[in-house]
N, C-alpha and C. Protein backbone atom coordinates (compact mmCIF):
# COMPACT_ATOMS: atom_id res chain seq x y z
N MET A 1 -197.37 27.67 135.64
CA MET A 1 -197.91 27.51 134.28
C MET A 1 -196.76 27.46 133.30
N GLU A 2 -196.85 26.40 132.43
CA GLU A 2 -195.84 26.37 131.33
C GLU A 2 -196.39 27.10 130.15
N TYR A 3 -195.51 27.82 129.51
CA TYR A 3 -195.89 28.64 128.37
C TYR A 3 -194.59 28.77 127.47
N ARG A 4 -194.81 29.35 126.33
CA ARG A 4 -193.73 29.62 125.39
C ARG A 4 -193.97 30.97 124.76
N ILE A 5 -193.02 31.71 124.51
CA ILE A 5 -193.05 32.96 123.76
C ILE A 5 -192.74 32.71 122.38
N GLU A 6 -193.79 33.12 121.53
CA GLU A 6 -193.44 32.96 120.10
C GLU A 6 -193.15 34.40 119.57
N TRP A 7 -191.84 34.60 119.21
CA TRP A 7 -191.33 35.80 118.73
C TRP A 7 -191.87 35.99 117.31
N PRO A 8 -191.97 37.30 116.77
CA PRO A 8 -192.43 37.58 115.51
C PRO A 8 -191.65 36.88 114.47
N ALA A 9 -190.35 36.68 114.57
CA ALA A 9 -189.53 36.04 113.61
C ALA A 9 -188.19 35.61 114.26
N PRO A 10 -187.41 34.83 113.76
CA PRO A 10 -186.12 34.55 114.32
C PRO A 10 -185.36 35.80 114.30
N MET A 11 -184.78 36.19 115.50
CA MET A 11 -184.16 37.51 115.67
C MET A 11 -182.70 37.36 116.11
N ASP A 12 -181.82 38.15 115.41
CA ASP A 12 -180.51 38.22 115.76
C ASP A 12 -180.08 39.50 116.60
N GLU A 13 -178.90 39.71 116.95
CA GLU A 13 -178.58 40.95 117.83
C GLU A 13 -179.03 42.22 117.07
N TYR A 14 -178.83 42.29 115.69
CA TYR A 14 -179.27 43.43 115.01
C TYR A 14 -180.77 43.70 115.04
N ASP A 15 -181.57 42.61 114.85
CA ASP A 15 -182.98 42.64 114.94
C ASP A 15 -183.42 43.15 116.34
N TRP A 16 -182.81 42.66 117.41
CA TRP A 16 -183.13 43.00 118.70
C TRP A 16 -182.84 44.56 118.95
N ALA A 17 -181.71 45.01 118.39
CA ALA A 17 -181.30 46.37 118.55
C ALA A 17 -182.40 47.18 117.85
N THR A 18 -182.82 46.86 116.74
CA THR A 18 -183.87 47.53 115.88
C THR A 18 -185.13 47.55 116.78
N GLN A 19 -185.53 46.42 117.23
CA GLN A 19 -186.78 46.35 117.98
C GLN A 19 -186.73 47.28 119.21
N GLU A 20 -185.61 47.32 119.88
CA GLU A 20 -185.40 48.10 121.15
C GLU A 20 -185.62 49.62 120.72
N ALA A 21 -185.08 49.95 119.58
CA ALA A 21 -185.13 51.37 119.09
C ALA A 21 -186.56 51.63 118.67
N LYS A 22 -187.33 50.78 118.14
CA LYS A 22 -188.71 51.00 117.88
C LYS A 22 -189.54 51.15 119.07
N GLY A 23 -189.29 50.43 120.08
CA GLY A 23 -189.97 50.59 121.36
C GLY A 23 -191.30 49.85 121.45
N TRP A 24 -191.44 48.84 120.59
CA TRP A 24 -192.72 48.14 120.70
C TRP A 24 -192.60 46.80 119.87
N MET A 25 -193.38 45.76 120.25
CA MET A 25 -193.49 44.63 119.46
C MET A 25 -194.66 43.77 119.97
N ASP A 26 -195.16 42.92 119.13
CA ASP A 26 -196.24 42.04 119.50
C ASP A 26 -195.58 40.73 119.56
N VAL A 27 -195.91 39.95 120.73
CA VAL A 27 -195.42 38.56 120.79
C VAL A 27 -196.64 37.73 121.08
N THR A 28 -196.57 36.47 120.91
CA THR A 28 -197.61 35.59 121.21
C THR A 28 -197.16 34.66 122.39
N VAL A 29 -197.93 34.63 123.43
CA VAL A 29 -197.57 33.74 124.59
C VAL A 29 -198.57 32.52 124.44
N ALA A 30 -198.01 31.39 124.22
CA ALA A 30 -198.80 30.13 124.01
C ALA A 30 -198.62 29.25 125.23
N TRP A 31 -199.71 28.51 125.52
CA TRP A 31 -199.62 27.53 126.63
C TRP A 31 -200.67 26.44 126.26
N GLY A 32 -200.73 25.43 127.10
CA GLY A 32 -201.60 24.27 126.79
C GLY A 32 -202.99 24.68 126.51
N GLY A 33 -203.49 25.59 127.19
CA GLY A 33 -204.95 25.95 127.08
C GLY A 33 -205.15 27.00 126.11
N GLY A 34 -204.17 27.53 125.37
CA GLY A 34 -204.54 28.47 124.35
C GLY A 34 -203.25 29.41 124.12
N GLY A 35 -203.62 30.70 123.72
CA GLY A 35 -202.55 31.63 123.44
C GLY A 35 -203.07 33.01 123.48
N ARG A 36 -202.21 33.97 123.59
CA ARG A 36 -202.66 35.41 123.68
C ARG A 36 -201.55 36.30 123.18
N VAL A 37 -201.86 37.14 122.22
CA VAL A 37 -200.96 38.11 121.65
C VAL A 37 -200.87 39.28 122.74
N VAL A 38 -199.62 39.59 123.08
CA VAL A 38 -199.32 40.59 124.08
C VAL A 38 -198.60 41.76 123.22
N GLU A 39 -199.08 42.97 123.51
CA GLU A 39 -198.50 44.14 122.97
C GLU A 39 -197.44 44.68 124.00
N VAL A 40 -196.22 44.74 123.54
CA VAL A 40 -195.14 45.14 124.51
C VAL A 40 -194.55 46.50 124.03
N TYR A 41 -194.58 47.52 124.92
CA TYR A 41 -194.16 48.76 124.66
C TYR A 41 -193.07 49.28 125.74
N ASP A 42 -192.27 50.22 125.25
CA ASP A 42 -191.57 50.99 126.32
C ASP A 42 -192.33 52.18 126.61
N PRO A 43 -192.08 52.88 127.68
CA PRO A 43 -192.98 54.00 128.11
C PRO A 43 -193.01 55.14 127.09
N VAL A 44 -191.89 55.49 126.56
CA VAL A 44 -191.88 56.63 125.49
C VAL A 44 -192.76 56.29 124.33
N ARG A 45 -192.52 55.06 123.78
CA ARG A 45 -193.39 54.67 122.53
C ARG A 45 -194.75 54.55 122.88
N LEU A 46 -195.13 54.10 124.12
CA LEU A 46 -196.53 53.94 124.47
C LEU A 46 -197.20 55.38 124.50
N ALA A 47 -196.41 56.38 125.07
CA ALA A 47 -197.03 57.74 125.28
C ALA A 47 -197.21 58.27 123.82
N GLN A 48 -196.30 58.01 122.83
CA GLN A 48 -196.45 58.37 121.47
C GLN A 48 -197.70 57.78 120.82
N SER A 49 -197.80 56.51 121.06
CA SER A 49 -198.98 55.68 120.45
C SER A 49 -200.22 56.18 121.02
N VAL A 50 -200.31 56.41 122.33
CA VAL A 50 -201.57 56.92 122.91
C VAL A 50 -201.91 58.24 122.32
N ALA A 51 -201.03 59.13 122.29
CA ALA A 51 -201.27 60.48 121.79
C ALA A 51 -201.69 60.47 120.28
N GLY A 52 -201.10 59.63 119.55
CA GLY A 52 -201.48 59.39 118.14
C GLY A 52 -202.86 58.99 118.04
N GLU A 53 -203.15 57.87 118.72
CA GLU A 53 -204.52 57.29 118.60
C GLU A 53 -205.58 58.34 119.15
N ILE A 54 -205.33 59.02 120.23
CA ILE A 54 -206.28 59.93 120.71
C ILE A 54 -206.54 61.14 119.62
N ASP A 55 -205.40 61.53 119.02
CA ASP A 55 -205.59 62.58 118.01
C ASP A 55 -206.42 62.02 116.90
N ARG A 56 -206.13 60.78 116.43
CA ARG A 56 -206.78 60.18 115.26
C ARG A 56 -208.21 59.74 115.55
N LEU A 57 -208.37 59.06 116.72
CA LEU A 57 -209.65 58.43 116.93
C LEU A 57 -210.43 58.91 118.07
N GLY A 58 -209.73 59.75 118.96
CA GLY A 58 -210.39 60.28 120.16
C GLY A 58 -210.29 59.36 121.40
N HIS A 59 -209.67 58.23 121.19
CA HIS A 59 -209.53 57.25 122.36
C HIS A 59 -208.32 56.28 121.99
N PHE A 60 -207.98 55.65 123.19
CA PHE A 60 -206.87 54.50 123.04
C PHE A 60 -207.39 53.34 123.77
N THR A 61 -207.25 52.21 123.16
CA THR A 61 -207.46 50.89 123.89
C THR A 61 -206.39 49.93 123.60
N ALA A 62 -206.13 49.06 124.61
CA ALA A 62 -205.11 48.00 124.42
C ALA A 62 -205.50 46.93 125.40
N GLY A 63 -205.84 45.72 124.85
CA GLY A 63 -206.40 44.66 125.68
C GLY A 63 -205.30 43.86 126.42
N ASN A 64 -204.22 43.71 125.78
CA ASN A 64 -203.13 42.87 126.48
C ASN A 64 -201.82 43.72 126.44
N LEU A 65 -201.77 44.79 127.18
CA LEU A 65 -200.60 45.64 127.09
C LEU A 65 -199.59 45.31 128.16
N LEU A 66 -198.43 45.30 127.82
CA LEU A 66 -197.27 45.08 128.69
C LEU A 66 -196.22 46.16 128.55
N VAL A 67 -195.94 46.99 129.50
CA VAL A 67 -194.96 47.98 129.40
C VAL A 67 -193.69 47.58 130.15
N VAL A 68 -192.57 47.64 129.46
CA VAL A 68 -191.27 47.38 130.09
C VAL A 68 -190.36 48.60 129.88
N ALA A 69 -189.24 48.72 130.64
CA ALA A 69 -188.30 49.80 130.57
C ALA A 69 -187.81 49.92 129.14
N SER A 70 -187.44 48.90 128.52
CA SER A 70 -187.05 48.96 127.12
C SER A 70 -187.31 47.52 126.55
N VAL A 71 -187.56 47.56 125.18
CA VAL A 71 -188.05 46.33 124.49
C VAL A 71 -186.81 45.46 124.14
N THR A 72 -186.41 44.72 125.18
CA THR A 72 -185.28 43.73 124.91
C THR A 72 -185.67 42.33 125.24
N ARG A 73 -185.06 41.34 124.73
CA ARG A 73 -185.48 40.01 124.84
C ARG A 73 -185.51 39.74 126.44
N ALA A 74 -184.56 40.06 127.13
CA ALA A 74 -184.51 39.82 128.57
C ALA A 74 -185.55 40.54 129.35
N ASN A 75 -185.85 41.77 128.96
CA ASN A 75 -186.96 42.47 129.62
C ASN A 75 -188.37 41.84 129.33
N VAL A 76 -188.53 41.37 128.07
CA VAL A 76 -189.84 40.78 127.75
C VAL A 76 -189.98 39.45 128.34
N GLU A 77 -188.84 38.68 128.32
CA GLU A 77 -188.99 37.37 129.02
C GLU A 77 -189.25 37.46 130.46
N SER A 78 -188.50 38.37 131.10
CA SER A 78 -188.77 38.58 132.59
C SER A 78 -190.10 38.99 132.91
N ALA A 79 -190.61 39.95 132.22
CA ALA A 79 -192.00 40.58 132.49
C ALA A 79 -193.09 39.45 132.23
N ILE A 80 -192.94 38.74 131.14
CA ILE A 80 -193.88 37.71 130.88
C ILE A 80 -193.93 36.60 131.92
N SER A 81 -192.74 36.29 132.33
CA SER A 81 -192.56 35.30 133.47
C SER A 81 -193.27 35.81 134.69
N ALA A 82 -193.04 37.01 135.03
CA ALA A 82 -193.76 37.57 136.23
C ALA A 82 -195.27 37.62 136.15
N ILE A 83 -195.73 38.09 134.99
CA ILE A 83 -197.17 38.11 134.90
C ILE A 83 -197.78 36.74 134.74
N ALA A 84 -197.04 35.79 134.23
CA ALA A 84 -197.57 34.41 134.19
C ALA A 84 -197.65 33.86 135.65
N ASP A 85 -196.66 34.15 136.45
CA ASP A 85 -196.65 33.78 137.83
C ASP A 85 -197.72 34.44 138.63
N GLU A 86 -198.26 35.57 138.13
CA GLU A 86 -199.30 36.28 138.89
C GLU A 86 -200.69 35.84 138.36
N GLY A 87 -200.66 34.90 137.41
CA GLY A 87 -201.89 34.37 136.93
C GLY A 87 -202.62 35.15 135.81
N PHE A 88 -201.83 36.11 135.20
CA PHE A 88 -202.33 36.97 134.04
C PHE A 88 -202.94 36.07 132.96
N PHE A 89 -202.26 35.11 132.58
CA PHE A 89 -202.72 34.30 131.45
C PHE A 89 -203.85 33.26 131.78
N ASP A 90 -203.94 32.95 133.04
CA ASP A 90 -205.00 32.24 133.60
C ASP A 90 -206.39 33.00 133.33
N ARG A 91 -206.31 34.26 133.79
CA ARG A 91 -207.46 35.17 133.69
C ARG A 91 -207.80 35.41 132.18
N ALA A 92 -206.70 35.57 131.38
CA ALA A 92 -206.89 35.90 129.94
C ALA A 92 -207.56 34.74 129.25
N SER A 93 -207.19 33.54 129.62
CA SER A 93 -207.70 32.35 128.93
C SER A 93 -209.18 32.09 129.31
N SER A 94 -209.69 32.76 130.38
CA SER A 94 -211.11 32.32 130.77
C SER A 94 -212.10 33.36 129.99
N HIS A 95 -211.61 34.24 129.26
CA HIS A 95 -212.50 35.10 128.47
C HIS A 95 -212.86 34.61 127.15
């Protein structure tokens, strides 16, 4: 499957360092048949977000969650490539 990752904005090394420290970001994966926003988290930030949502709302949901060791460009690109190869976006586009 051919796809492209649409980053939230043009990002330089400083922006990536900031993003990695934050531990999450949303990216859009676009392909010929559509697109899907993917929520990317590192494990620590995900645990914090889950706990916060449970405290606030009593539950946590995430439709297109991707967890990587750290939120770096290389990790995000590698993980998206892997899930694309596994057919993740084919399944997502059929909904």
